[in-house]
Amino acid sequence: MPADEGRERMLVRVPRARAAALAEALHSAAGARAARKAADPVRLQVDPLSLF
């Protein structure tokens, strides 16, 4: 599925053994970004949600 003009998409896959660590790192990065009140929106989706 292509991204809209001016946007980027990324799919990151990791072994199941490292999935929880990746989810935690993404959560921490999103929190830091929110604290800075960054202007551009970012959407994170973790499947399955039980990892997060």
PDB file of N, CA and C in Angstrom:
ATOM      1  N   MET A   1       0.844  -1.165   0.000  1.00  0.00           N
ATOM      2  CA  MET A   1       0.000   0.000   0.000  1.00  0.00           C
ATOM      3  C   MET A   1       0.895   1.236   0.000  1.00  0.00           C
ATOM      4  N   PRO A   2       0.839   2.024  -1.038  1.00  0.00           N
ATOM      5  CA  PRO A   2       1.708   3.208  -1.120  1.00  0.00           C
ATOM      6  C   PRO A   2       1.274   4.311  -0.150  1.00  0.00           C
ATOM      7  N   ALA A   3       2.230   5.110   0.244  1.00  0.00           N
ATOM      8  CA  ALA A   3       1.950   6.245   1.137  1.00  0.00           C
ATOM      9  C   ALA A   3       1.454   7.433   0.321  1.00  0.00           C
ATOM     10  N   ASP A   4       0.725   8.321   0.961  1.00  0.00           N
ATOM     11  CA  ASP A   4       0.281   9.550   0.308  1.00  0.00           C
ATOM     12  C   ASP A   4       1.487  10.412  -0.027  1.00  0.00           C
ATOM     13  N   GLU A   5       1.287  11.357  -0.921  1.00  0.00           N
ATOM     14  CA  GLU A   5       2.346  12.281  -1.309  1.00  0.00           C
ATOM     15  C   GLU A   5       2.908  13.005  -0.085  1.00  0.00           C
ATOM     16  N   GLY A   6       4.212  13.034   0.067  1.00  0.00           N
ATOM     17  CA  GLY A   6       4.850  13.718   1.180  1.00  0.00           C
ATOM     18  C   GLY A   6       4.892  12.913   2.468  1.00  0.00           C
ATOM     19  N   ARG A   7       4.443  11.661   2.431  1.00  0.00           N
ATOM     20  CA  ARG A   7       4.457  10.809   3.617  1.00  0.00           C
ATOM     21  C   ARG A   7       5.307   9.581   3.346  1.00  0.00           C
ATOM     22  N   GLU A   8       5.735   8.962   4.405  1.00  0.00           N
ATOM     23  CA  GLU A   8       6.522   7.741   4.298  1.00  0.00           C
ATOM     24  C   GLU A   8       5.891   6.653   5.134  1.00  0.00           C
ATOM     25  N   ARG A   9       6.083   5.407   4.710  1.00  0.00           N
ATOM     26  CA  ARG A   9       5.619   4.247   5.466  1.00  0.00           C
ATOM     27  C   ARG A   9       6.804   3.349   5.711  1.00  0.00           C
ATOM     28  N   MET A  10       6.750   2.623   6.813  1.00  0.00           N
ATOM     29  CA  MET A  10       7.832   1.707   7.144  1.00  0.00           C
ATOM     30  C   MET A  10       7.246   0.473   7.801  1.00  0.00           C
ATOM     31  N   LEU A  11       7.733  -0.664   7.417  1.00  0.00           N
ATOM     32  CA  LEU A  11       7.362  -1.928   8.045  1.00  0.00           C
ATOM     33  C   LEU A  11       8.624  -2.486   8.677  1.00  0.00           C
ATOM     34  N   VAL A  12       8.562  -2.755   9.967  1.00  0.00           N
ATOM     35  CA  VAL A  12       9.717  -3.290  10.689  1.00  0.00           C
ATOM     36  C   VAL A  12       9.333  -4.660  11.223  1.00  0.00           C
ATOM     37  N   ARG A  13      10.132  -5.638  10.924  1.00  0.00           N
ATOM     38  CA  ARG A  13       9.894  -6.991  11.425  1.00  0.00           C
ATOM     39  C   ARG A  13      11.095  -7.426  12.241  1.00  0.00           C
ATOM     40  N   VAL A  14      10.799  -8.096  13.324  1.00  0.00           N
ATOM     41  CA  VAL A  14      11.862  -8.638  14.177  1.00  0.00           C
ATOM     42  C   VAL A  14      11.465 -10.051  14.589  1.00  0.00           C
ATOM     43  N   PRO A  15      12.435 -10.853  15.006  1.00  0.00           N
ATOM     44  CA  PRO A  15      12.080 -12.169  15.536  1.00  0.00           C
ATOM     45  C   PRO A  15      11.164 -12.008  16.752  1.00  0.00           C
ATOM     46  N   ARG A  16      10.261 -12.964  16.957  1.00  0.00           N
ATOM     47  CA  ARG A  16       9.329 -12.880  18.084  1.00  0.00           C
ATOM     48  C   ARG A  16      10.036 -12.647  19.410  1.00  0.00           C
ATOM     49  N   ALA A  17      11.211 -13.204  19.575  1.00  0.00           N
ATOM     50  CA  ALA A  17      11.946 -13.040  20.829  1.00  0.00           C
ATOM     51  C   ALA A  17      12.294 -11.572  21.096  1.00  0.00           C
ATOM     52  N   ARG A  18      12.350 -10.745  20.058  1.00  0.00           N
ATOM     53  CA  ARG A  18      12.717  -9.336  20.231  1.00  0.00           C
ATOM     54  C   ARG A  18      11.534  -8.388  20.035  1.00  0.00           C
ATOM     55  N   ALA A  19      10.353  -8.936  19.798  1.00  0.00           N
ATOM     56  CA  ALA A  19       9.184  -8.105  19.508  1.00  0.00           C
ATOM     57  C   ALA A  19       8.812  -7.192  20.681  1.00  0.00           C
ATOM     58  N   ALA A  20       8.843  -7.707  21.888  1.00  0.00           N
ATOM     59  CA  ALA A  20       8.500  -6.880  23.048  1.00  0.00           C
ATOM     60  C   ALA A  20       9.491  -5.741  23.231  1.00  0.00           C
ATOM     61  N   ALA A  21      10.761  -5.992  22.987  1.00  0.00           N
ATOM     62  CA  ALA A  21      11.779  -4.939  23.108  1.00  0.00           C
ATOM     63  C   ALA A  21      11.557  -3.853  22.053  1.00  0.00           C
ATOM     64  N   LEU A  22      11.197  -4.258  20.841  1.00  0.00           N
ATOM     65  CA  LEU A  22      10.912  -3.270  19.792  1.00  0.00           C
ATOM     66  C   LEU A  22       9.682  -2.449  20.164  1.00  0.00           C
ATOM     67  N   ALA A  23       8.626  -3.094  20.647  1.00  0.00           N
ATOM     68  CA  ALA A  23       7.418  -2.375  21.041  1.00  0.00           C
ATOM     69  C   ALA A  23       7.723  -1.363  22.141  1.00  0.00           C
ATOM     70  N   GLU A  24       8.530  -1.745  23.111  1.00  0.00           N
ATOM     71  CA  GLU A  24       8.903  -0.825  24.193  1.00  0.00           C
ATOM     72  C   GLU A  24       9.723   0.349  23.668  1.00  0.00           C
ATOM     73  N   ALA A  25      10.645   0.082  22.763  1.00  0.00           N
ATOM     74  CA  ALA A  25      11.460   1.159  22.184  1.00  0.00           C
ATOM     75  C   ALA A  25      10.590   2.138  21.391  1.00  0.00           C
ATOM     76  N   LEU A  26       9.637   1.622  20.623  1.00  0.00           N
ATOM     77  CA  LEU A  26       8.732   2.490  19.868  1.00  0.00           C
ATOM     78  C   LEU A  26       7.866   3.319  20.811  1.00  0.00           C
ATOM     79  N   HIS A  27       7.397   2.710  21.875  1.00  0.00           N
ATOM     80  CA  HIS A  27       6.584   3.429  22.866  1.00  0.00           C
ATOM     81  C   HIS A  27       7.397   4.557  23.505  1.00  0.00           C
ATOM     82  N   SER A  28       8.638   4.293  23.861  1.00  0.00           N
ATOM     83  CA  SER A  28       9.501   5.318  24.467  1.00  0.00           C
ATOM     84  C   SER A  28       9.777   6.454  23.485  1.00  0.00           C
ATOM     85  N   ALA A  29      10.045   6.105  22.236  1.00  0.00           N
ATOM     86  CA  ALA A  29      10.310   7.128  21.216  1.00  0.00           C
ATOM     87  C   ALA A  29       9.075   7.990  20.981  1.00  0.00           C
ATOM     88  N   ALA A  30       7.900   7.370  20.955  1.00  0.00           N
ATOM     89  CA  ALA A  30       6.667   8.130  20.759  1.00  0.00           C
ATOM     90  C   ALA A  30       6.428   9.076  21.932  1.00  0.00           C
ATOM     91  N   GLY A  31       6.733   8.631  23.138  1.00  0.00           N
ATOM     92  CA  GLY A  31       6.584   9.491  24.306  1.00  0.00           C
ATOM     93  C   GLY A  31       7.521  10.682  24.276  1.00  0.00           C
ATOM     94  N   ALA A  32       8.756  10.445  23.884  1.00  0.00           N
ATOM     95  CA  ALA A  32       9.729  11.537  23.785  1.00  0.00           C
ATOM     96  C   ALA A  32       9.314  12.529  22.706  1.00  0.00           C
ATOM     97  N   ARG A  33       8.785  12.014  21.622  1.00  0.00           N
ATOM     98  CA  ARG A  33       8.333  12.865  20.527  1.00  0.00           C
ATOM     99  C   ARG A  33       7.144  13.717  20.963  1.00  0.00           C
ATOM    100  N   ALA A  34       6.226  13.106  21.699  1.00  0.00           N
ATOM    101  CA  ALA A  34       5.060  13.834  22.192  1.00  0.00           C
ATOM    102  C   ALA A  34       5.480  14.920  23.185  1.00  0.00           C
ATOM    103  N   ALA A  35       6.468  14.636  24.003  1.00  0.00           N
ATOM    104  CA  ALA A  35       6.957  15.615  24.978  1.00  0.00           C
ATOM    105  C   ALA A  35       7.556  16.837  24.283  1.00  0.00           C
ATOM    106  N   ARG A  36       8.162  16.625  23.119  1.00  0.00           N
ATOM    107  CA  ARG A  36       8.724  17.737  22.345  1.00  0.00           C
ATOM    108  C   ARG A  36       7.650  18.485  21.563  1.00  0.00           C
ATOM    109  N   LYS A  37       6.430  17.916  21.541  1.00  0.00           N
ATOM    110  CA  LYS A  37       5.312  18.490  20.792  1.00  0.00           C
ATOM    111  C   LYS A  37       5.664  18.657  19.315  1.00  0.00           C
ATOM    112  N   ALA A  38       6.209  17.586  18.741  1.00  0.00           N
ATOM    113  CA  ALA A  38       6.572  17.583  17.327  1.00  0.00           C
ATOM    114  C   ALA A  38       5.333  17.853  16.470  1.00  0.00           C
ATOM    115  N   ALA A  39       5.504  18.621  15.419  1.00  0.00           N
ATOM    116  CA  ALA A  39       4.380  19.066  14.594  1.00  0.00           C
ATOM    117  C   ALA A  39       3.835  17.977  13.668  1.00  0.00           C
ATOM    118  N   ASP A  40       4.685  17.191  13.071  1.00  0.00           N
ATOM    119  CA  ASP A  40       4.239  16.184  12.111  1.00  0.00           C
ATOM    120  C   ASP A  40       3.692  14.958  12.821  1.00  0.00           C
ATOM    121  N   PRO A  41       2.513  14.483  12.384  1.00  0.00           N
ATOM    122  CA  PRO A  41       1.911  13.317  13.042  1.00  0.00           C
ATOM    123  C   PRO A  41       2.650  12.026  12.712  1.00  0.00           C
ATOM    124  N   VAL A  42       2.672  11.120  13.665  1.00  0.00           N
ATOM    125  CA  VAL A  42       3.259   9.792  13.485  1.00  0.00           C
ATOM    126  C   VAL A  42       2.266   8.778  14.026  1.00  0.00           C
ATOM    127  N   ARG A  43       2.054   7.723  13.283  1.00  0.00           N
ATOM    128  CA  ARG A  43       1.146   6.661  13.727  1.00  0.00           C
ATOM    129  C   ARG A  43       1.937   5.373  13.836  1.00  0.00           C
ATOM    130  N   LEU A  44       1.843   4.736  14.994  1.00  0.00           N
ATOM    131  CA  LEU A  44       2.497   3.453  15.226  1.00  0.00           C
ATOM    132  C   LEU A  44       1.430   2.394  15.396  1.00  0.00           C
ATOM    133  N   GLN A  45       1.650   1.245  14.787  1.00  0.00           N
ATOM    134  CA  GLN A  45       0.721   0.133  14.940  1.00  0.00           C
ATOM    135  C   GLN A  45       1.536  -1.116  15.218  1.00  0.00           C
ATOM    136  N   VAL A  46       1.248  -1.770  16.336  1.00  0.00           N
ATOM    137  CA  VAL A  46       1.947  -2.993  16.725  1.00  0.00           C
ATOM    138  C   VAL A  46       0.962  -4.144  16.650  1.00  0.00           C
ATOM    139  N   ASP A  47       1.289  -5.157  15.871  1.00  0.00           N
ATOM    140  CA  ASP A  47       0.447  -6.350  15.746  1.00  0.00           C
ATOM    141  C   ASP A  47       1.232  -7.548  16.216  1.00  0.00           C
ATOM    142  N   PRO A  48       0.764  -8.369  17.064  1.00  0.00           N
ATOM    143  CA  PRO A  48      -0.492  -8.236  17.799  1.00  0.00           C
ATOM    144  C   PRO A  48      -0.344  -7.267  18.962  1.00  0.00           C
ATOM    145  N   LEU A  49      -1.449  -6.682  19.376  1.00  0.00           N
ATOM    146  CA  LEU A  49      -1.448  -5.685  20.456  1.00  0.00           C
ATOM    147  C   LEU A  49      -0.959  -6.265  21.785  1.00  0.00           C
ATOM    148  N   SER A  50      -1.020  -7.558  21.949  1.00  0.00           N
ATOM    149  CA  SER A  50      -0.579  -8.167  23.211  1.00  0.00           C
ATOM    150  C   SER A  50       0.918  -7.972  23.452  1.00  0.00           C
ATOM    151  N   LEU A  51       1.674  -7.587  22.423  1.00  0.00           N
ATOM    152  CA  LEU A  51       3.103  -7.339  22.602  1.00  0.00           C
ATOM    153  C   LEU A  51       3.360  -6.004  23.286  1.00  0.00           C
ATOM    154  N   PHE A  52       2.386  -5.129  23.234  1.00  0.00           N
ATOM    155  CA  PHE A  52       2.594  -3.767  23.705  1.00  0.00           C
ATOM    156  C   PHE A  52       2.080  -3.596  25.096  1.00  0.00           C
TER     157      PHE A  52
END
